[in-house]
Structure formats: structure tokens, C-alpha cells
């Protein structure tokens, strides 16, 4: 069974492999990270861990049964005043099995329990139906606000968290 793990330094090689192997797949639904992301990956990874250490962000990876392959990323970013932004991305090979929903639900639970957050925000490009499905299944509701994400129209979501019950209802 895949396992959600908090991002660590030793995830770097597998995370870089995940990003490279899925670059074209992910670029179909979200903005490509660009060549500089890959060229500067070691420094970028260290910076993420530093942000996590000070509590401004909480990064997670979904690790496959083999314990070496990363299937997805689930991040709580820009933590402020009990709120954070949920972002996630899945490997093409891992889609369609409910793994994104399970991992997003687990991250929402961590947000409420381990990180003491009270609400989460998320957004997805209008044509990214898979992300919209995951967000609604784990209890997010549409705010009605349309946002621009790197020049592409997107929909904004919110979820109020309640002491450990976040995302656990399977809505």
C-alpha cells in the first residue's frame, strides 16, 4: 500500500525522478516548472526543507510499495493564521486508482491534527477535472471565485477543518 511521508532530504533523488518522468503529463493540466527547476533542483529541495523546518510549509510525498518510487506530491503551502493552500500532483501511472483522493484526505487530516490548521484553500484549472473531483471528494467546496493561475482560469475551493475530522468524512 502506498504511504504518505513527510518530505525528507533523502527523498530528493526519487522526487527529481518523479518530476522528470511526469513533466509532459503534468504540463497538460498545470503550468510546466521550466528547465531552471530541474537545473537547480538540489538547491530547491534544500529550500523546501528549510521552509518546512520553520513551519511555513508542510510537504509530503506519496511513496509506492517499493519504498523508492514517488507517486505524488501533496503540499500545504503558505501557512499563516491557521490557514494554508493545498497543492498536489500525481504521476500519470498512479491516476485513476483513488490514490490522490486517499492522500489528499490524509493531508487534510494532518492539517487539522498535526499542524493545527483551521482551514485550507485550493485551486484547480477549469479543465483539470481530476483535481476538481479529488477536492470535492475530500470535503472542499467551491467558493464561486474564478482565479487566474499563470494566465489560465481556475476555480477556488475552501475547506474548514474541525479538530481531526478534516477530510475524513469522504464527502
Protein backbone atom coordinates (compact mmCIF):
# COMPACT_ATOMS: atom_id res chain seq x y z
CA UNK A 1 0.00 0.00 0.00
CA UNK A 2 1.43 3.44 -0.91
CA UNK A 3 2.43 5.56 2.07
CA UNK A 4 2.22 9.30 2.61
CA UNK A 5 5.50 10.58 4.06
CA UNK A 6 6.67 13.99 5.19
CA UNK A 7 9.30 15.28 2.76
CA UNK A 8 12.89 14.49 3.81
CA UNK A 9 16.33 15.14 2.36
CA UNK A 10 16.68 11.52 1.22
CA UNK A 11 13.57 11.86 -0.99
CA UNK A 12 15.47 14.17 -3.36
CA UNK A 13 16.59 11.61 -5.99
CA UNK A 14 13.16 9.95 -6.19
CA UNK A 15 11.39 13.31 -6.24
CA UNK A 16 13.56 14.56 -9.09
CA UNK A 17 12.87 11.32 -10.99
CA UNK A 18 9.12 11.79 -10.39
CA UNK A 19 9.23 15.36 -11.73
CA UNK A 20 11.28 14.40 -14.80
CA UNK A 21 9.25 11.31 -15.66
CA UNK A 22 5.94 13.13 -15.35
CA UNK A 23 6.90 16.53 -16.72
CA UNK A 24 4.98 16.27 -20.00
CA UNK A 25 1.99 14.61 -18.32
CA UNK A 26 1.73 17.31 -15.65
CA UNK A 27 2.20 20.12 -18.17
CA UNK A 28 -1.08 19.08 -19.80
CA UNK A 29 -3.02 20.20 -16.72
CA UNK A 30 -0.77 22.72 -14.94
CA UNK A 31 1.98 25.13 -15.90
CA UNK A 32 5.33 23.48 -16.62
CA UNK A 33 8.00 24.14 -13.99
CA UNK A 34 10.59 25.11 -16.62
CA UNK A 35 14.16 23.95 -17.19
CA UNK A 36 15.58 26.04 -14.34
CA UNK A 37 13.56 23.99 -11.83
CA UNK A 38 15.40 20.84 -12.88
CA UNK A 39 18.80 22.50 -13.18
CA UNK A 40 18.50 23.97 -9.67
CA UNK A 41 16.72 21.00 -8.10
CA UNK A 42 19.20 20.28 -5.24
CA UNK A 43 19.05 23.89 -4.00
CA UNK A 44 15.28 23.97 -4.47
CA UNK A 45 14.87 20.78 -2.42
CA UNK A 46 17.01 22.19 0.41
CA UNK A 47 14.93 25.38 0.36
CA UNK A 48 11.70 23.38 0.67
CA UNK A 49 13.08 21.54 3.67
CA UNK A 50 14.11 24.85 5.27
CA UNK A 51 10.58 26.22 4.81
CA UNK A 52 9.21 23.06 6.33
CA UNK A 53 11.60 23.33 9.29
CA UNK A 54 10.31 26.81 10.16
CA UNK A 55 6.68 25.77 9.67
CA UNK A 56 5.70 27.97 6.73
CA UNK A 57 5.02 24.90 4.59
CA UNK A 58 4.41 21.17 5.03
CA UNK A 59 5.48 18.96 2.13
CA UNK A 60 4.53 15.31 1.63
CA UNK A 61 5.21 12.61 -0.92
CA UNK A 62 3.17 9.52 -1.73
CA UNK A 63 5.66 6.66 -1.87
CA UNK A 64 4.92 3.42 -3.75
CA UNK A 65 5.04 -0.05 -2.26
CA UNK A 66 8.65 -0.41 -3.41
CA UNK A 67 9.51 2.44 -0.94
CA UNK A 68 11.66 4.16 -3.58
CA UNK A 69 9.22 5.45 -6.22
CA UNK A 70 7.25 8.63 -5.64
CA UNK A 71 3.70 8.54 -6.97
CA UNK A 72 2.63 12.04 -5.96
CA UNK A 73 3.21 15.24 -4.02
CA UNK A 74 0.78 16.75 -1.51
CA UNK A 75 1.76 20.11 -0.09
CA UNK A 76 0.39 22.57 2.43
CA UNK A 77 1.92 25.90 1.48
CA UNK A 78 1.94 29.45 2.79
CA UNK A 79 0.84 28.54 6.31
CA UNK A 80 -0.47 31.69 8.01
CA UNK A 81 -3.05 32.34 10.71
CA UNK A 82 -4.21 28.72 10.77
CA UNK A 83 -4.68 28.54 7.02
CA UNK A 84 -2.75 27.00 4.14
CA UNK A 85 -3.01 26.28 0.43
CA UNK A 86 -3.27 22.63 -0.60
CA UNK A 87 -1.49 21.68 -3.81
CA UNK A 88 -0.96 18.23 -5.28
CA UNK A 89 0.27 16.41 -8.37
CA UNK A 90 0.22 12.73 -9.29
CA UNK A 91 2.30 10.51 -11.55
CA UNK A 92 0.46 9.53 -14.71
CA UNK A 93 0.89 5.85 -13.80
CA UNK A 94 -0.84 6.39 -10.43
CA UNK A 95 -4.00 8.11 -11.65
CA UNK A 96 -7.42 6.51 -11.74
CA UNK A 97 -6.96 4.34 -8.64
CA UNK A 98 -8.24 6.69 -5.92
CA UNK A 99 -4.73 7.29 -4.59
CA UNK A 100 -4.92 11.07 -4.96
CA UNK A 101 -8.18 11.15 -3.02
CA UNK A 102 -6.78 8.98 -0.22
CA UNK A 103 -3.57 11.00 0.05
CA UNK A 104 -5.39 14.36 -0.09
CA UNK A 105 -7.74 13.14 2.66
CA UNK A 106 -4.71 12.12 4.76
CA UNK A 107 -3.05 15.52 4.28
CA UNK A 108 -6.27 17.29 5.30
CA UNK A 109 -6.33 15.17 8.44
CA UNK A 110 -2.70 16.06 9.19
CA UNK A 111 -3.51 19.72 8.60
CA UNK A 112 -6.15 19.63 11.32
CA UNK A 113 -4.38 17.38 13.81
CA UNK A 114 -0.60 17.63 13.49
CA UNK A 115 -0.38 21.17 12.08
CA UNK A 116 -3.37 22.69 13.95
CA UNK A 117 -4.73 24.41 10.85
CA UNK A 118 -8.33 25.61 10.76
CA UNK A 119 -8.92 25.97 7.03
CA UNK A 120 -7.44 25.07 3.69
CA UNK A 121 -7.65 26.71 0.30
CA UNK A 122 -7.05 25.08 -3.06
CA UNK A 123 -7.48 25.90 -6.70
CA UNK A 124 -7.56 23.96 -9.95
CA UNK A 125 -7.57 24.96 -13.60
CA UNK A 126 -11.09 24.83 -15.02
CA UNK A 127 -10.22 21.98 -17.37
CA UNK A 128 -8.46 19.87 -14.70
CA UNK A 129 -11.43 17.63 -13.89
CA UNK A 130 -9.36 15.12 -11.90
CA UNK A 131 -8.28 17.77 -9.40
CA UNK A 132 -11.83 19.12 -9.08
CA UNK A 133 -13.02 15.58 -8.33
CA UNK A 134 -10.36 14.98 -5.68
CA UNK A 135 -11.06 18.30 -3.97
CA UNK A 136 -14.81 17.74 -3.75
CA UNK A 137 -14.39 14.14 -2.59
CA UNK A 138 -12.27 15.22 0.38
CA UNK A 139 -14.67 17.92 1.51
CA UNK A 140 -13.65 21.11 -0.28
CA UNK A 141 -16.40 23.39 -1.55
CA UNK A 142 -16.28 25.79 -4.47
CA UNK A 143 -16.13 29.42 -3.40
CA UNK A 144 -17.59 30.69 -6.66
CA UNK A 145 -14.44 32.70 -7.22
CA UNK A 146 -12.66 32.26 -10.54
CA UNK A 147 -8.91 32.82 -10.29
CA UNK A 148 -6.10 33.16 -12.79
CA UNK A 149 -3.33 30.57 -12.40
CA UNK A 150 -0.38 31.52 -14.58
CA UNK A 151 -2.76 33.00 -17.15
CA UNK A 152 -5.22 30.10 -17.04
CA UNK A 153 -8.68 30.36 -15.48
CA UNK A 154 -9.16 28.30 -12.36
CA UNK A 155 -11.69 27.61 -9.65
CA UNK A 156 -11.07 28.37 -5.97
CA UNK A 157 -12.02 25.91 -3.19
CA UNK A 158 -12.07 26.06 0.60
CA UNK A 159 -12.40 23.58 3.44
CA UNK A 160 -12.96 24.44 7.08
CA UNK A 161 -11.14 21.98 9.34
CA UNK A 162 -12.55 20.69 12.59
CA UNK A 163 -10.20 19.08 15.10
CA UNK A 164 -9.10 15.94 13.29
CA UNK A 165 -12.24 15.31 11.27
CA UNK A 166 -10.92 17.17 8.24
CA UNK A 167 -11.15 15.20 5.06
CA UNK A 168 -12.10 12.10 7.00
CA UNK A 169 -15.75 12.18 6.04
CA UNK A 170 -15.18 11.07 2.45
CA UNK A 171 -17.68 13.61 1.13
